[in-house]
Amino acid sequence: MLVQCRDLFMGEITRLPLDTELDLSSVEFRGMQPFTQPVHVTGEITVRAGVVQLSVQASLVFEGQCDRCLAPFTHAYTIPMEHVLVATLANEENDDYILLDNYQLNLDDLVLADILLELPYKSLCREDCRGLCCRCGKNLNEGACDCETRTIDPRLEVLSQLLN
């Protein structure tokens, strides 16, 4: 979605409300397409003291697979975003500002980039996920497995054979 910001930069208006839904269902993240529902973006673009600022929040549902137990899960997130928008930059490599092309803001790309940066590095079904047993593969969230918990140091395993 392209948002026309020319009126804000020209001083004709001081506030532009935003309330839209973005379709990110085709976005691939870690080999999956986790955004099956539209992302709801609400907020505004304002001008104060000659500074054009974008202040929005994205509400989304993330569907993924737990990194520990491989179970599917669904989490809801609300991610706030704030950026200063500029029409020109003296130094093109300044990451503090969002440079607009012909006074147009590509909201889809900006929101997607912010969402991907805010998502947790590890996707877990729950905070206290116990994962899978490394021996039998049982999901430890469903209960303990019958595997032997006593482990022998591999360097001393030869000595345990003497006891048998």
C-alpha atoms as a PDB file:
ATOM      1  CA  MET A   1       0.000   0.000   0.000  1.00  0.00           C
ATOM      2  CA  LEU A   2       1.395   3.360  -1.022  1.00  0.00           C
ATOM      3  CA  VAL A   3       0.571   6.288   1.267  1.00  0.00           C
ATOM      4  CA  GLN A   4       0.729   9.713  -0.353  1.00  0.00           C
ATOM      5  CA  CYS A   5       2.476  12.129   2.074  1.00  0.00           C
ATOM      6  CA  ARG A   6       2.868  15.212  -0.167  1.00  0.00           C
ATOM      7  CA  ASP A   7       0.197  17.208   1.728  1.00  0.00           C
ATOM      8  CA  LEU A   8       2.045  16.598   5.014  1.00  0.00           C
ATOM      9  CA  PHE A   9       5.374  17.833   3.646  1.00  0.00           C
ATOM     10  CA  MET A  10       3.772  20.844   1.948  1.00  0.00           C
ATOM     11  CA  GLY A  11       2.069  21.906   5.207  1.00  0.00           C
ATOM     12  CA  GLU A  12      -1.478  21.507   3.899  1.00  0.00           C
ATOM     13  CA  ILE A  13      -2.415  19.019   6.643  1.00  0.00           C
ATOM     14  CA  THR A  14      -0.783  18.122   9.976  1.00  0.00           C
ATOM     15  CA  ARG A  15      -2.259  14.677  10.574  1.00  0.00           C
ATOM     16  CA  LEU A  16      -3.005  11.671   8.365  1.00  0.00           C
ATOM     17  CA  PRO A  17      -4.770   8.797  10.156  1.00  0.00           C
ATOM     18  CA  LEU A  18      -4.020   5.228   9.069  1.00  0.00           C
ATOM     19  CA  ASP A  19      -6.248   2.198   9.541  1.00  0.00           C
ATOM     20  CA  THR A  20      -5.656  -0.613   7.077  1.00  0.00           C
ATOM     21  CA  GLU A  21      -5.104  -4.324   6.716  1.00  0.00           C
ATOM     22  CA  LEU A  22      -2.074  -5.719   4.920  1.00  0.00           C
ATOM     23  CA  ASP A  23      -2.036  -9.110   3.222  1.00  0.00           C
ATOM     24  CA  LEU A  24       1.297 -10.746   4.082  1.00  0.00           C
ATOM     25  CA  SER A  25       0.134 -14.305   3.370  1.00  0.00           C
ATOM     26  CA  SER A  26       2.716 -14.756   0.596  1.00  0.00           C
ATOM     27  CA  VAL A  27       5.646 -13.780   2.844  1.00  0.00           C
ATOM     28  CA  GLU A  28       7.997 -16.661   3.615  1.00  0.00           C
ATOM     29  CA  PHE A  29       9.762 -16.692   6.992  1.00  0.00           C
ATOM     30  CA  ARG A  30      12.032 -19.559   8.079  1.00  0.00           C
ATOM     31  CA  GLY A  31      10.631 -21.786   5.350  1.00  0.00           C
ATOM     32  CA  MET A  32       6.983 -21.182   6.338  1.00  0.00           C
ATOM     33  CA  GLN A  33       4.196 -18.726   5.583  1.00  0.00           C
ATOM     34  CA  PRO A  34       3.244 -17.647   9.122  1.00  0.00           C
ATOM     35  CA  PHE A  35       0.927 -14.721   8.330  1.00  0.00           C
ATOM     36  CA  THR A  36      -2.287 -16.464   7.295  1.00  0.00           C
ATOM     37  CA  GLN A  37      -4.492 -13.647   8.586  1.00  0.00           C
ATOM     38  CA  PRO A  38      -4.287  -9.981   7.499  1.00  0.00           C
ATOM     39  CA  VAL A  39      -2.080  -7.691   9.583  1.00  0.00           C
ATOM     40  CA  HIS A  40      -4.090  -4.792  11.026  1.00  0.00           C
ATOM     41  CA  VAL A  41      -2.157  -1.506  11.026  1.00  0.00           C
ATOM     42  CA  THR A  42      -3.509   1.533  12.888  1.00  0.00           C
ATOM     43  CA  GLY A  43      -1.925   4.864  13.752  1.00  0.00           C
ATOM     44  CA  GLU A  44      -1.094   8.143  12.099  1.00  0.00           C
ATOM     45  CA  ILE A  45       1.452  10.270  10.320  1.00  0.00           C
ATOM     46  CA  THR A  46       1.868  13.664  11.962  1.00  0.00           C
ATOM     47  CA  VAL A  47       3.823  16.848  11.414  1.00  0.00           C
ATOM     48  CA  ARG A  48       5.233  18.651  14.453  1.00  0.00           C
ATOM     49  CA  ALA A  49       7.812  21.412  14.196  1.00  0.00           C
ATOM     50  CA  GLY A  50       8.475  20.461  10.581  1.00  0.00           C
ATOM     51  CA  VAL A  51       9.200  16.797  11.417  1.00  0.00           C
ATOM     52  CA  VAL A  52       7.026  14.184   9.729  1.00  0.00           C
ATOM     53  CA  GLN A  53       6.637  11.169  12.002  1.00  0.00           C
ATOM     54  CA  LEU A  54       4.950   7.811  11.425  1.00  0.00           C
ATOM     55  CA  SER A  55       3.491   6.253  14.588  1.00  0.00           C
ATOM     56  CA  VAL A  56       1.600   2.992  14.030  1.00  0.00           C
ATOM     57  CA  GLN A  57       1.071  -0.374  15.612  1.00  0.00           C
ATOM     58  CA  ALA A  58       0.639  -3.679  13.810  1.00  0.00           C
ATOM     59  CA  SER A  59      -1.610  -6.377  15.256  1.00  0.00           C
ATOM     60  CA  LEU A  60      -0.931  -9.800  13.810  1.00  0.00           C
ATOM     61  CA  VAL A  61      -1.344 -13.506  14.334  1.00  0.00           C
ATOM     62  CA  PHE A  62       1.813 -15.586  13.853  1.00  0.00           C
ATOM     63  CA  GLU A  63       1.379 -19.280  13.064  1.00  0.00           C
ATOM     64  CA  GLY A  64       4.534 -21.317  13.405  1.00  0.00           C
ATOM     65  CA  GLN A  65       6.201 -24.488  14.545  1.00  0.00           C
ATOM     66  CA  CYS A  66       7.936 -24.726  17.911  1.00  0.00           C
ATOM     67  CA  ASP A  67      11.725 -24.881  17.638  1.00  0.00           C
ATOM     68  CA  ARG A  68      11.946 -27.273  20.612  1.00  0.00           C
ATOM     69  CA  CYS A  69       9.026 -29.715  20.313  1.00  0.00           C
ATOM     70  CA  LEU A  70       7.952 -29.145  16.669  1.00  0.00           C
ATOM     71  CA  ALA A  71       4.314 -28.606  17.697  1.00  0.00           C
ATOM     72  CA  PRO A  72       2.290 -26.054  15.718  1.00  0.00           C
ATOM     73  CA  PHE A  73       1.304 -22.896  17.605  1.00  0.00           C
ATOM     74  CA  THR A  74      -0.432 -19.563  17.137  1.00  0.00           C
ATOM     75  CA  HIS A  75       0.629 -16.349  18.894  1.00  0.00           C
ATOM     76  CA  ALA A  76      -0.871 -12.864  18.671  1.00  0.00           C
ATOM     77  CA  TYR A  77       1.509  -9.883  18.642  1.00  0.00           C
ATOM     78  CA  THR A  78       1.045  -6.115  18.774  1.00  0.00           C
ATOM     79  CA  ILE A  79       4.149  -4.342  17.514  1.00  0.00           C
ATOM     80  CA  PRO A  80       4.539  -0.551  17.859  1.00  0.00           C
ATOM     81  CA  MET A  81       6.526   1.278  15.183  1.00  0.00           C
ATOM     82  CA  GLU A  82       7.833   4.812  14.958  1.00  0.00           C
ATOM     83  CA  HIS A  83       9.824   6.353  12.121  1.00  0.00           C
ATOM     84  CA  VAL A  84      10.801   9.829  10.969  1.00  0.00           C
ATOM     85  CA  LEU A  85       9.968  10.352   7.294  1.00  0.00           C
ATOM     86  CA  VAL A  86      12.001  12.612   5.006  1.00  0.00           C
ATOM     87  CA  ALA A  87      11.696  13.662   1.368  1.00  0.00           C
ATOM     88  CA  THR A  88      15.463  14.134   0.835  1.00  0.00           C
ATOM     89  CA  LEU A  89      18.655  13.111   2.577  1.00  0.00           C
ATOM     90  CA  ALA A  90      22.111  14.661   2.348  1.00  0.00           C
ATOM     91  CA  ASN A  91      23.705  11.346   3.367  1.00  0.00           C
ATOM     92  CA  GLU A  92      21.912   8.435   1.644  1.00  0.00           C
ATOM     93  CA  GLU A  93      23.286   5.901   4.146  1.00  0.00           C
ATOM     94  CA  ASN A  94      21.485   7.313   7.186  1.00  0.00           C
ATOM     95  CA  ASP A  95      19.293   4.569   8.696  1.00  0.00           C
ATOM     96  CA  ASP A  96      17.639   6.897  11.221  1.00  0.00           C
ATOM     97  CA  TYR A  97      15.183   8.217   8.639  1.00  0.00           C
ATOM     98  CA  ILE A  98      12.854   6.695   6.067  1.00  0.00           C
ATOM     99  CA  LEU A  99      13.477   8.284   2.683  1.00  0.00           C
ATOM    100  CA  LEU A 100      10.287   8.625   0.647  1.00  0.00           C
ATOM    101  CA  ASP A 101      10.271   8.251  -3.109  1.00  0.00           C
ATOM    102  CA  ASN A 102       8.199  11.063  -4.646  1.00  0.00           C
ATOM    103  CA  TYR A 103       6.496  11.703  -1.253  1.00  0.00           C
ATOM    104  CA  GLN A 104       5.099   8.136  -1.230  1.00  0.00           C
ATOM    105  CA  LEU A 105       5.516   5.721   1.676  1.00  0.00           C
ATOM    106  CA  ASN A 106       5.461   1.999   0.884  1.00  0.00           C
ATOM    107  CA  LEU A 107       3.688   0.919   4.069  1.00  0.00           C
ATOM    108  CA  ASP A 108       3.746  -2.823   3.244  1.00  0.00           C
ATOM    109  CA  ASP A 109       7.528  -3.027   3.010  1.00  0.00           C
ATOM    110  CA  LEU A 110       8.148  -0.888   6.090  1.00  0.00           C
ATOM    111  CA  VAL A 111       5.675  -2.768   8.291  1.00  0.00           C
ATOM    112  CA  LEU A 112       6.958  -6.147   7.089  1.00  0.00           C
ATOM    113  CA  ALA A 113      10.570  -5.187   7.852  1.00  0.00           C
ATOM    114  CA  ASP A 114       9.641  -4.010  11.360  1.00  0.00           C
ATOM    115  CA  ILE A 115       7.593  -7.136  12.052  1.00  0.00           C
ATOM    116  CA  LEU A 116      10.395  -9.463  10.982  1.00  0.00           C
ATOM    117  CA  LEU A 117      12.871  -7.580  13.171  1.00  0.00           C
ATOM    118  CA  GLU A 118      10.574  -7.783  16.221  1.00  0.00           C
ATOM    119  CA  LEU A 119       9.673 -11.469  16.023  1.00  0.00           C
ATOM    120  CA  PRO A 120      11.517 -13.632  18.569  1.00  0.00           C
ATOM    121  CA  TYR A 121      14.649 -15.418  17.414  1.00  0.00           C
ATOM    122  CA  LYS A 122      13.358 -18.713  18.819  1.00  0.00           C
ATOM    123  CA  SER A 123       9.762 -19.630  18.045  1.00  0.00           C
ATOM    124  CA  LEU A 124       8.374 -21.503  21.044  1.00  0.00           C
ATOM    125  CA  CYS A 125       4.887 -22.896  21.606  1.00  0.00           C
ATOM    126  CA  ARG A 126       5.140 -21.660  25.196  1.00  0.00           C
ATOM    127  CA  GLU A 127       7.845 -20.163  27.418  1.00  0.00           C
ATOM    128  CA  ASP A 128       8.422 -23.341  29.438  1.00  0.00           C
ATOM    129  CA  CYS A 129       8.499 -25.761  26.488  1.00  0.00           C
ATOM    130  CA  ARG A 130      10.541 -28.824  27.483  1.00  0.00           C
ATOM    131  CA  GLY A 131      11.145 -29.996  23.911  1.00  0.00           C
ATOM    132  CA  LEU A 132      11.752 -33.555  22.730  1.00  0.00           C
ATOM    133  CA  CYS A 133      13.700 -36.352  24.437  1.00  0.00           C
ATOM    134  CA  CYS A 134      17.070 -36.596  22.722  1.00  0.00           C
ATOM    135  CA  ARG A 135      16.948 -40.410  22.857  1.00  0.00           C
ATOM    136  CA  CYS A 136      13.398 -41.518  22.069  1.00  0.00           C
ATOM    137  CA  GLY A 137      11.911 -38.311  20.601  1.00  0.00           C
ATOM    138  CA  LYS A 138       8.910 -38.136  22.944  1.00  0.00           C
ATOM    139  CA  ASN A 139       7.381 -34.704  23.485  1.00  0.00           C
ATOM    140  CA  LEU A 140       8.357 -33.942  27.103  1.00  0.00           C
ATOM    141  CA  ASN A 141       5.482 -31.441  27.436  1.00  0.00           C
ATOM    142  CA  GLU A 142       3.109 -34.434  27.387  1.00  0.00           C
ATOM    143  CA  GLY A 143       4.948 -36.251  30.170  1.00  0.00           C
ATOM    144  CA  ALA A 144       8.252 -37.902  31.025  1.00  0.00           C
ATOM    145  CA  CYS A 145       9.678 -40.658  28.858  1.00  0.00           C
ATOM    146  CA  ASP A 146      10.998 -44.039  30.006  1.00  0.00           C
ATOM    147  CA  CYS A 147      14.574 -43.414  28.918  1.00  0.00           C
ATOM    148  CA  GLU A 148      17.401 -43.933  31.397  1.00  0.00           C
ATOM    149  CA  THR A 149      18.384 -40.561  32.804  1.00  0.00           C
ATOM    150  CA  ARG A 150      21.773 -41.662  34.117  1.00  0.00           C
ATOM    151  CA  THR A 151      24.456 -40.880  31.573  1.00  0.00           C
ATOM    152  CA  ILE A 152      28.017 -42.084  31.550  1.00  0.00           C
ATOM    153  CA  ASP A 153      30.861 -39.950  30.363  1.00  0.00           C
ATOM    154  CA  PRO A 154      31.896 -41.464  26.999  1.00  0.00           C
ATOM    155  CA  ARG A 155      35.542 -41.352  28.057  1.00  0.00           C
ATOM    156  CA  LEU A 156      34.787 -43.631  31.018  1.00  0.00           C
ATOM    157  CA  GLU A 157      32.349 -45.961  29.250  1.00  0.00           C
ATOM    158  CA  VAL A 158      35.046 -48.596  28.773  1.00  0.00           C
ATOM    159  CA  LEU A 159      35.431 -48.828  32.555  1.00  0.00           C
ATOM    160  CA  SER A 160      31.716 -49.550  32.984  1.00  0.00           C
ATOM    161  CA  GLN A 161      32.137 -52.606  30.800  1.00  0.00           C
ATOM    162  CA  LEU A 162      34.592 -54.004  33.385  1.00  0.00           C
ATOM    163  CA  LEU A 163      31.809 -54.006  35.987  1.00  0.00           C
ATOM    164  CA  ASN A 164      29.561 -56.167  33.770  1.00  0.00           C
END
